[in-house]
Amino acid sequence: MTGWNAPSRLERGFTLVELMVALTGGLFVSVMVFTLAKDSSRFYMRESRVADATLAAVSGFERLRTDLARSSFMASPNIRRDVQNARLCGNPGAGWPQELGRLAGVRIQPDTPAANAALAANGLAPDAIQIAGNFSGNDVFAMSGVVANGAGFRVSLQSLIGQLGRLDYENRPAERQTLLQDAFPAGRALRIVDEAGMIQYGRITNVTTNPGPAVNLALVPALRMRGANPTLCGLHAQAKGYVNVVNFVRYQVRALTSGAGAAGATPWDTNRTELVREEVNVDGATIAGTEEIVAEYAVDLSFGLTVAQTIVNGLPTQLLTVPAGNAAIVNWAGDVTTTAGAANQGPHRVRAIRVRLAVRSREPDRDANIVPGGSVATGLYRFNVAANGPARFARVRTLQADVALHNQAMAQ
């Protein structure tokens, strides 16, 4: 029987100490790899949130710019100015619906956000803006007459020419009611321009297809009719001209949930705000189904103006820049029924708007704010998402542009 020979040193396995050292070293390497992977994932998610904020800002900003460019399109830049120029048939006095009585292409309400702890903690008070114009289409409808009845006024439309002719109204009997309802939704204003170029406004109540296409208007505001005594200003049963819808669109930064946020919301979603677009009726009430978020996590909205301070022969000879936050904003683009500005001021003089929109990322990424230029802040770089407790700052993306209001000058 051959005896057992102990293995040589080169043939031995790892000792317990060597094995423990190897395992410990491997554990450290694993921890380092995991830490790097976690930081990389966090960095990726952080940059993804910033990219989302940027995309939201761009999409909402473009929507706002597009709407601003249509201000006063097929509408008045200042209805009170139309009275002075004898272009309005009637007088928007007591009894008129609120928004029709102060119809203007642009109306800015500086520093008018609803109470919000997050905005207040960051010292922000976004502006709100309301613009008026035809946002329903690019064409007018031919009118064939106006009659008064006990319920209001019936404005008859020509179906073979104008927009109804292009929509092939006569050859689509099953769709006629829908076509008219889509073109003339209730609660909006109807602008009527007669053959003499005189303008009147009414409140749309409904539409009818029998005996022909027509838009029914409320009793108030009352249209001026010629009756038995013809005047230079008034409508009649065979009046010709054209009509179009006037919409009132409002943009503002506000919260869509309660101050405590939605149930189960993360701390940084508490008191979150959005840029909201909504349409209001002639009384100023929000029209159901028109509210939409155009930019999530919006935190600031401001407007500056370029106005025609002096006009000669219909052309501006002296332009004035009114920066955002200036008290003179309300003199040029405030409520035309309450503004106490000079006679040569008003929304009809506004030629361009400088709009600035700021949107934050969804989550914070640092505990300290950025104060550019040493100790003087020159812009919004970070937003404190913690209204109470330790500060937590999210990054902010800001867009700014000048929007020319061509319809303002053309409508004068």
Protein backbone atom coordinates (compact mmCIF):
# COMPACT_ATOMS: atom_id res chain seq x y z
CA MET A 1 0.00 0.00 0.00
CA THR A 2 1.40 3.31 -1.06
CA GLY A 3 1.59 5.93 1.66
CA TRP A 4 -0.21 9.34 1.49
CA ASN A 5 1.99 12.26 0.45
CA ALA A 6 1.15 15.76 1.63
CA PRO A 7 0.56 18.23 -1.30
CA SER A 8 3.37 20.55 -2.08
CA ARG A 9 3.05 24.29 -1.34
CA LEU A 10 2.22 25.03 -5.01
CA GLU A 11 -0.73 22.61 -4.88
CA ARG A 12 -2.44 24.03 -1.79
CA GLY A 13 -5.81 26.02 -1.90
CA PHE A 14 -6.53 29.45 -0.39
CA THR A 15 -6.24 29.86 3.31
CA LEU A 16 -9.17 31.32 5.25
CA VAL A 17 -7.36 34.61 5.69
CA GLU A 18 -6.66 34.87 1.95
CA LEU A 19 -10.27 34.04 1.16
CA MET A 20 -11.57 36.69 3.59
CA VAL A 21 -9.23 39.30 2.12
CA ALA A 22 -10.39 38.47 -1.41
CA LEU A 23 -14.06 38.60 -0.41
CA THR A 24 -13.60 41.91 1.37
CA GLY A 25 -11.81 43.42 -1.61
CA GLY A 26 -14.51 42.18 -3.94
CA LEU A 27 -17.19 43.67 -1.67
CA PHE A 28 -15.49 47.06 -1.78
CA VAL A 29 -15.30 46.91 -5.57
CA SER A 30 -18.99 45.96 -5.75
CA VAL A 31 -19.95 48.85 -3.47
CA MET A 32 -17.98 51.27 -5.63
CA VAL A 33 -19.56 49.95 -8.82
CA PHE A 34 -23.03 50.14 -7.29
CA THR A 35 -22.40 53.69 -6.05
CA LEU A 36 -21.20 54.82 -9.46
CA ALA A 37 -24.16 53.16 -11.15
CA LYS A 38 -26.56 54.79 -8.68
CA ASP A 39 -25.01 58.22 -9.21
CA SER A 40 -25.09 57.74 -12.97
CA SER A 41 -28.74 56.74 -12.83
CA ARG A 42 -29.54 59.73 -10.59
CA PHE A 43 -27.66 62.05 -12.96
CA TYR A 44 -29.51 60.61 -15.95
CA MET A 45 -32.89 61.02 -14.26
CA ARG A 46 -32.00 64.55 -13.19
CA GLU A 47 -31.02 65.56 -16.72
CA SER A 48 -34.13 63.83 -18.06
CA ARG A 49 -36.31 65.94 -15.76
CA VAL A 50 -34.53 69.10 -16.91
CA ALA A 51 -35.09 68.05 -20.53
CA ASP A 52 -38.78 67.48 -19.76
CA ALA A 53 -39.00 70.94 -18.21
CA THR A 54 -37.35 72.47 -21.27
CA LEU A 55 -39.71 70.65 -23.64
CA ALA A 56 -42.72 71.76 -21.58
CA ALA A 57 -41.50 75.34 -21.63
CA VAL A 58 -40.94 75.32 -25.41
CA SER A 59 -44.31 73.75 -26.27
CA GLY A 60 -46.25 76.02 -23.92
CA PHE A 61 -44.30 79.07 -25.03
CA GLU A 62 -45.02 78.43 -28.71
CA ARG A 63 -48.73 78.00 -27.99
CA LEU A 64 -48.77 81.29 -26.10
CA ARG A 65 -46.84 83.09 -28.84
CA THR A 66 -49.23 81.82 -31.52
CA ASP A 67 -52.27 83.04 -29.61
CA LEU A 68 -50.72 86.42 -28.83
CA ALA A 69 -50.03 86.99 -32.54
CA ARG A 70 -53.78 86.63 -33.20
CA SER A 71 -54.78 89.32 -30.71
CA SER A 72 -57.44 91.63 -32.23
CA PHE A 73 -57.79 89.36 -35.29
CA MET A 74 -61.30 90.17 -36.57
CA ALA A 75 -61.98 92.04 -33.33
CA SER A 76 -61.46 95.44 -31.78
CA PRO A 77 -58.16 96.36 -30.07
CA ASN A 78 -60.16 98.76 -27.88
CA ILE A 79 -63.94 98.93 -28.02
CA ARG A 80 -63.99 102.28 -26.20
CA ARG A 81 -61.78 103.69 -28.97
CA ASP A 82 -64.31 102.45 -31.54
CA VAL A 83 -66.95 104.60 -29.87
CA GLN A 84 -64.73 107.67 -30.19
CA ASN A 85 -64.01 106.88 -33.84
CA ALA A 86 -67.74 106.35 -34.56
CA ARG A 87 -67.08 102.84 -35.80
CA LEU A 88 -69.22 101.11 -33.18
CA CYS A 89 -72.96 101.17 -33.67
CA GLY A 90 -74.13 101.64 -30.09
CA ASN A 91 -72.40 102.30 -26.79
CA PRO A 92 -70.97 99.59 -24.51
CA GLY A 93 -72.42 101.07 -21.36
CA ALA A 94 -74.31 99.67 -18.39
CA GLY A 95 -76.01 96.35 -19.01
CA TRP A 96 -73.46 95.03 -21.47
CA PRO A 97 -71.84 91.68 -20.65
CA GLN A 98 -68.62 92.21 -18.72
CA GLU A 99 -66.11 91.07 -21.35
CA LEU A 100 -67.89 92.72 -24.26
CA GLY A 101 -68.06 96.00 -22.37
CA ARG A 102 -64.27 96.03 -21.94
CA LEU A 103 -63.34 94.26 -25.18
CA ALA A 104 -59.66 94.78 -26.02
CA GLY A 105 -57.08 92.85 -27.99
CA VAL A 106 -54.81 92.64 -24.94
CA ARG A 107 -55.50 93.03 -21.23
CA ILE A 108 -52.70 92.36 -18.75
CA GLN A 109 -53.31 91.83 -15.05
CA PRO A 110 -49.94 92.24 -13.29
CA ASP A 111 -49.17 90.22 -10.18
CA THR A 112 -52.48 88.41 -9.95
CA PRO A 113 -51.80 84.80 -8.92
CA ALA A 114 -54.06 82.93 -6.55
CA ALA A 115 -52.65 82.41 -3.06
CA ASN A 116 -49.82 79.89 -3.34
CA ALA A 117 -47.21 79.14 -0.67
CA ALA A 118 -44.55 77.95 -3.13
CA LEU A 119 -44.76 81.07 -5.31
CA ALA A 120 -44.77 83.31 -2.24
CA ALA A 121 -41.72 81.55 -0.80
CA ASN A 122 -39.83 82.34 -4.00
CA GLY A 123 -41.04 85.92 -4.19
CA LEU A 124 -42.93 85.32 -7.44
CA ALA A 125 -46.20 86.91 -8.56
CA PRO A 126 -46.86 85.92 -12.19
CA ASP A 127 -48.92 88.12 -14.50
CA ALA A 128 -52.11 87.02 -16.21
CA ILE A 129 -53.18 88.02 -19.71
CA GLN A 130 -56.45 87.94 -21.61
CA ILE A 131 -56.55 88.30 -25.36
CA ALA A 132 -59.51 88.70 -27.68
CA GLY A 133 -59.87 87.84 -31.32
CA ASN A 134 -61.14 85.21 -33.70
CA PHE A 135 -59.44 82.00 -32.56
CA SER A 136 -62.04 79.77 -34.22
CA GLY A 137 -61.02 80.24 -37.86
CA ASN A 138 -59.55 82.48 -40.51
CA ASP A 139 -62.63 83.50 -42.45
CA VAL A 140 -65.90 85.39 -42.16
CA PHE A 141 -69.49 84.31 -42.83
CA ALA A 142 -71.71 86.24 -45.24
CA MET A 143 -74.82 87.73 -43.64
CA SER A 144 -78.20 88.04 -45.37
CA GLY A 145 -80.33 89.88 -42.80
CA VAL A 146 -81.14 90.51 -39.14
CA VAL A 147 -84.54 90.46 -37.44
CA ALA A 148 -85.57 91.05 -33.84
CA ASN A 149 -87.88 88.64 -32.05
CA GLY A 150 -89.10 88.19 -28.52
CA ALA A 151 -86.10 86.06 -27.52
CA GLY A 152 -83.42 88.26 -29.05
CA PHE A 153 -82.09 88.63 -32.57
CA ARG A 154 -81.79 86.25 -35.50
CA VAL A 155 -78.81 86.78 -37.82
CA SER A 156 -79.38 84.94 -41.09
CA LEU A 157 -76.42 83.62 -43.06
CA GLN A 158 -75.89 83.06 -46.77
CA SER A 159 -75.22 79.39 -47.44
CA LEU A 160 -74.01 79.53 -51.04
CA ILE A 161 -71.17 82.02 -50.63
CA GLY A 162 -68.60 82.82 -48.00
CA GLN A 163 -67.45 80.27 -45.47
CA LEU A 164 -70.66 78.22 -45.50
CA GLY A 165 -70.35 77.90 -49.28
CA ARG A 166 -66.79 76.64 -48.89
CA LEU A 167 -67.98 74.16 -46.26
CA ASP A 168 -70.53 72.87 -48.82
CA TYR A 169 -73.34 73.52 -46.35
CA GLU A 170 -76.22 72.98 -48.80
CA ASN A 171 -75.01 69.52 -49.83
CA ARG A 172 -74.54 68.25 -46.27
CA PRO A 173 -78.06 68.29 -44.78
CA ALA A 174 -77.30 65.73 -42.06
CA GLU A 175 -74.35 67.77 -40.81
CA ARG A 176 -75.78 71.29 -41.00
CA GLN A 177 -76.57 71.66 -37.30
CA THR A 178 -73.14 70.39 -36.29
CA LEU A 179 -71.42 72.68 -38.79
CA LEU A 180 -73.17 75.72 -37.36
CA GLN A 181 -72.62 74.71 -33.74
CA ASP A 182 -68.91 74.23 -34.35
CA ALA A 183 -68.64 77.57 -36.13
CA PHE A 184 -70.75 79.55 -33.63
CA PRO A 185 -70.44 78.02 -30.13
CA ALA A 186 -72.73 79.43 -27.46
CA GLY A 187 -71.41 81.95 -24.96
CA ARG A 188 -69.01 83.62 -27.38
CA ALA A 189 -69.43 87.02 -28.98
CA LEU A 190 -70.57 87.62 -32.54
CA ARG A 191 -69.09 90.55 -34.43
CA ILE A 192 -71.35 92.01 -37.12
CA VAL A 193 -70.03 94.33 -39.82
CA ASP A 194 -72.77 95.75 -42.06
CA GLU A 195 -72.53 97.09 -45.61
CA ALA A 196 -71.71 100.56 -44.27
CA GLY A 197 -68.74 99.23 -42.29
CA MET A 198 -70.42 99.84 -38.93
CA ILE A 199 -69.77 97.27 -36.21
CA GLN A 200 -72.05 95.69 -33.61
CA TYR A 201 -71.61 92.85 -31.14
CA GLY A 202 -73.98 90.25 -29.73
CA ARG A 203 -73.99 87.23 -27.41
CA ILE A 204 -74.45 83.87 -29.17
CA THR A 205 -77.15 81.69 -27.61
CA ASN A 206 -77.66 78.96 -30.25
CA VAL A 207 -77.93 78.25 -33.96
CA THR A 208 -80.72 77.07 -36.23
CA THR A 209 -80.97 75.53 -39.70
CA ASN A 210 -84.67 76.16 -40.35
CA PRO A 211 -85.81 77.93 -42.45
CA GLY A 212 -82.16 78.69 -43.21
CA PRO A 213 -78.81 78.89 -41.46
CA ALA A 214 -78.89 81.49 -38.70
CA VAL A 215 -77.23 82.50 -35.44
CA ASN A 216 -79.48 83.49 -32.55
CA LEU A 217 -78.31 86.25 -30.21
CA ALA A 218 -79.46 87.24 -26.73
CA LEU A 219 -81.50 90.38 -26.02
CA VAL A 220 -78.49 91.94 -24.27
CA PRO A 221 -76.54 93.59 -25.69
CA ALA A 222 -79.29 94.81 -27.94
CA LEU A 223 -78.51 95.30 -31.60
CA ARG A 224 -79.44 98.66 -33.04
CA MET A 225 -82.16 98.24 -35.69
CA ARG A 226 -83.24 100.81 -38.26
CA GLY A 227 -86.97 100.21 -37.96
CA ALA A 228 -89.34 102.64 -39.64
CA ASN A 229 -86.90 105.58 -39.35
CA PRO A 230 -83.70 104.79 -41.25
CA THR A 231 -80.53 106.03 -39.61
CA LEU A 232 -76.86 105.96 -40.49
CA CYS A 233 -76.36 103.21 -37.93
CA GLY A 234 -78.58 100.16 -37.73
CA LEU A 235 -79.51 96.77 -39.16
CA HIS A 236 -82.59 95.58 -41.03
CA ALA A 237 -84.20 92.40 -42.32
CA GLN A 238 -82.20 92.40 -45.57
CA ALA A 239 -78.94 93.79 -44.17
CA LYS A 240 -75.83 92.53 -45.94
CA GLY A 241 -72.38 92.23 -44.47
CA TYR A 242 -70.37 89.59 -42.67
CA VAL A 243 -70.02 88.10 -39.20
CA ASN A 244 -67.38 86.25 -37.21
CA VAL A 245 -66.90 84.84 -33.74
CA VAL A 246 -64.86 86.69 -31.11
CA ASN A 247 -63.20 84.53 -28.45
CA PHE A 248 -61.76 85.59 -25.10
CA VAL A 249 -58.68 83.55 -24.14
CA ARG A 250 -56.94 83.79 -20.78
CA TYR A 251 -53.45 82.61 -19.79
CA GLN A 252 -52.33 82.44 -16.17
CA VAL A 253 -50.07 80.49 -13.84
CA ARG A 254 -52.08 78.74 -11.16
CA ALA A 255 -52.46 75.54 -9.17
CA LEU A 256 -55.02 72.99 -10.29
CA THR A 257 -55.07 71.19 -6.92
CA SER A 258 -55.56 72.31 -3.35
CA GLY A 259 -52.66 73.87 -1.45
CA ALA A 260 -51.81 70.52 0.12
CA GLY A 261 -51.46 68.89 -3.29
CA ALA A 262 -53.14 65.76 -4.58
CA ALA A 263 -53.46 62.68 -2.39
CA GLY A 264 -50.14 60.81 -2.28
CA ALA A 265 -48.26 63.64 -3.99
CA THR A 266 -44.54 63.95 -3.43
CA PRO A 267 -43.36 66.95 -1.35
CA TRP A 268 -42.13 68.79 -4.42
CA ASP A 269 -45.57 68.48 -6.05
CA THR A 270 -47.17 70.37 -3.17
CA ASN A 271 -48.42 73.76 -4.37
CA ARG A 272 -47.20 73.04 -7.91
CA THR A 273 -48.43 75.45 -10.57
CA GLU A 274 -49.06 75.18 -14.30
CA LEU A 275 -49.52 77.56 -17.21
CA VAL A 276 -53.25 77.24 -17.91
CA ARG A 277 -55.08 78.32 -21.04
CA GLU A 278 -58.83 78.74 -20.82
CA GLU A 279 -61.59 80.41 -22.76
CA VAL A 280 -64.13 82.63 -21.02
CA ASN A 281 -67.57 83.68 -22.17
CA VAL A 282 -68.83 87.23 -22.63
CA ASP A 283 -69.61 87.38 -18.89
CA GLY A 284 -66.06 86.41 -17.90
CA ALA A 285 -66.89 82.89 -16.67
CA THR A 286 -64.69 79.97 -17.71
CA ILE A 287 -66.31 77.90 -20.46
CA ALA A 288 -66.50 74.25 -19.44
CA GLY A 289 -64.15 71.97 -21.34
CA THR A 290 -61.78 74.73 -22.51
CA GLU A 291 -59.25 74.55 -19.66
CA GLU A 292 -55.94 72.99 -20.67
CA ILE A 293 -52.42 72.83 -19.31
CA VAL A 294 -49.99 74.20 -21.88
CA ALA A 295 -46.87 74.02 -19.68
CA GLU A 296 -46.47 71.89 -16.55
CA TYR A 297 -44.58 73.22 -13.52
CA ALA A 298 -44.72 76.81 -14.78
CA VAL A 299 -43.63 79.22 -12.04
CA ASP A 300 -43.49 82.65 -13.65
CA LEU A 301 -45.13 84.60 -16.48
CA SER A 302 -44.47 88.25 -17.22
CA PHE A 303 -45.12 90.74 -19.99
CA GLY A 304 -43.45 93.89 -21.22
CA LEU A 305 -44.80 96.18 -23.96
CA THR A 306 -43.71 98.14 -27.00
CA VAL A 307 -46.28 100.87 -27.61
CA ALA A 308 -46.82 103.56 -30.22
CA GLN A 309 -46.49 106.66 -28.08
CA THR A 310 -47.00 108.99 -31.06
CA ILE A 311 -48.90 108.21 -34.27
CA VAL A 312 -48.89 110.42 -37.37
CA ASN A 313 -51.06 109.55 -40.39
CA GLY A 314 -51.69 106.12 -38.96
CA LEU A 315 -47.99 105.30 -38.53
CA PRO A 316 -46.05 105.22 -35.25
CA THR A 317 -43.36 107.88 -35.12
CA GLN A 318 -42.24 107.29 -31.56
CA LEU A 319 -42.11 103.90 -29.84
CA LEU A 320 -41.90 103.41 -26.10
CA THR A 321 -40.71 100.30 -24.29
CA VAL A 322 -42.50 99.48 -21.05
CA PRO A 323 -40.62 96.71 -19.18
CA ALA A 324 -42.32 93.94 -17.25
CA GLY A 325 -43.25 95.02 -13.75
CA ASN A 326 -43.54 98.69 -14.65
CA ALA A 327 -46.56 100.41 -13.13
CA ALA A 328 -47.40 101.95 -16.52
CA ILE A 329 -48.36 98.52 -17.90
CA VAL A 330 -51.98 98.98 -16.78
CA ASN A 331 -52.19 102.38 -18.53
CA TRP A 332 -51.40 100.77 -21.87
CA ALA A 333 -52.87 97.29 -21.46
CA GLY A 334 -55.23 97.44 -18.49
CA ASP A 335 -59.00 97.34 -18.20
CA VAL A 336 -60.34 99.94 -20.67
CA THR A 337 -63.30 100.68 -18.39
CA THR A 338 -61.18 101.64 -15.36
CA THR A 339 -57.79 102.78 -16.70
CA ALA A 340 -57.05 106.37 -15.82
CA GLY A 341 -54.29 106.84 -18.39
CA ALA A 342 -53.87 109.72 -20.80
CA ALA A 343 -56.15 110.07 -23.82
CA ASN A 344 -53.45 108.74 -26.15
CA GLN A 345 -52.90 105.57 -24.10
CA GLY A 346 -54.68 102.26 -24.30
CA PRO A 347 -54.40 98.71 -25.67
CA HIS A 348 -54.92 99.95 -29.25
CA ARG A 349 -51.43 101.51 -29.02
CA VAL A 350 -49.68 98.22 -28.15
CA ARG A 351 -47.54 97.04 -31.05
CA ALA A 352 -45.55 94.19 -29.49
CA ILE A 353 -45.41 92.15 -26.31
CA ARG A 354 -42.27 90.81 -24.68
CA VAL A 355 -43.35 87.58 -23.05
CA ARG A 356 -41.27 85.59 -20.57
CA LEU A 357 -42.18 82.13 -19.28
CA ALA A 358 -40.28 80.19 -16.60
CA VAL A 359 -40.78 76.47 -15.94
CA ARG A 360 -39.08 74.41 -13.21
CA SER A 361 -38.00 70.79 -13.27
CA ARG A 362 -40.18 68.32 -11.41
CA GLU A 363 -37.76 67.47 -8.59
CA PRO A 364 -35.04 69.41 -6.72
CA ASP A 365 -31.39 68.66 -7.38
CA ARG A 366 -29.52 70.85 -4.88
CA ASP A 367 -29.79 72.40 -1.43
CA ALA A 368 -28.42 75.84 -2.33
CA ASN A 369 -29.61 78.48 -4.73
CA ILE A 370 -27.52 80.08 -7.47
CA VAL A 371 -27.06 83.81 -6.99
CA PRO A 372 -25.53 85.13 -10.22
CA GLY A 373 -23.37 88.24 -10.24
CA GLY A 374 -22.11 87.88 -6.68
CA SER A 375 -24.82 88.94 -4.24
CA VAL A 376 -27.29 90.37 -6.77
CA ALA A 377 -29.68 88.00 -8.49
CA THR A 378 -30.29 88.88 -12.15
CA GLY A 379 -32.61 86.07 -13.14
CA LEU A 380 -34.56 83.02 -12.02
CA TYR A 381 -32.17 80.04 -11.96
CA ARG A 382 -33.52 77.89 -9.14
CA PHE A 383 -36.94 77.44 -7.54
CA ASN A 384 -37.37 76.42 -3.91
CA VAL A 385 -39.92 73.60 -3.97
CA ALA A 386 -40.06 73.40 -0.17
CA ALA A 387 -42.34 76.17 1.04
CA ASN A 388 -41.78 74.90 4.60
CA GLY A 389 -38.74 73.18 6.04
CA PRO A 390 -35.21 72.92 4.62
CA ALA A 391 -34.78 74.55 1.22
CA ARG A 392 -34.66 72.28 -1.81
CA PHE A 393 -34.06 73.89 -5.20
CA ALA A 394 -35.16 72.72 -8.63
CA ARG A 395 -33.68 74.02 -11.85
CA VAL A 396 -35.58 76.58 -13.92
CA ARG A 397 -35.74 77.08 -17.68
CA THR A 398 -36.80 80.49 -18.97
CA LEU A 399 -37.88 81.47 -22.49
CA GLN A 400 -38.38 85.02 -23.76
CA ALA A 401 -39.43 86.55 -27.08
CA ASP A 402 -40.95 89.67 -28.60
CA VAL A 403 -44.27 89.02 -30.35
CA ALA A 404 -45.43 91.55 -32.92
CA LEU A 405 -49.17 92.33 -32.80
CA HIS A 406 -49.89 93.18 -36.42
CA ASN A 407 -53.67 93.07 -36.00
CA GLN A 408 -53.55 95.84 -33.44
CA ALA A 409 -52.44 98.40 -36.04
CA MET A 410 -54.59 96.97 -38.85
CA ALA A 411 -57.76 97.13 -36.73
CA GLN A 412 -57.42 100.84 -35.98
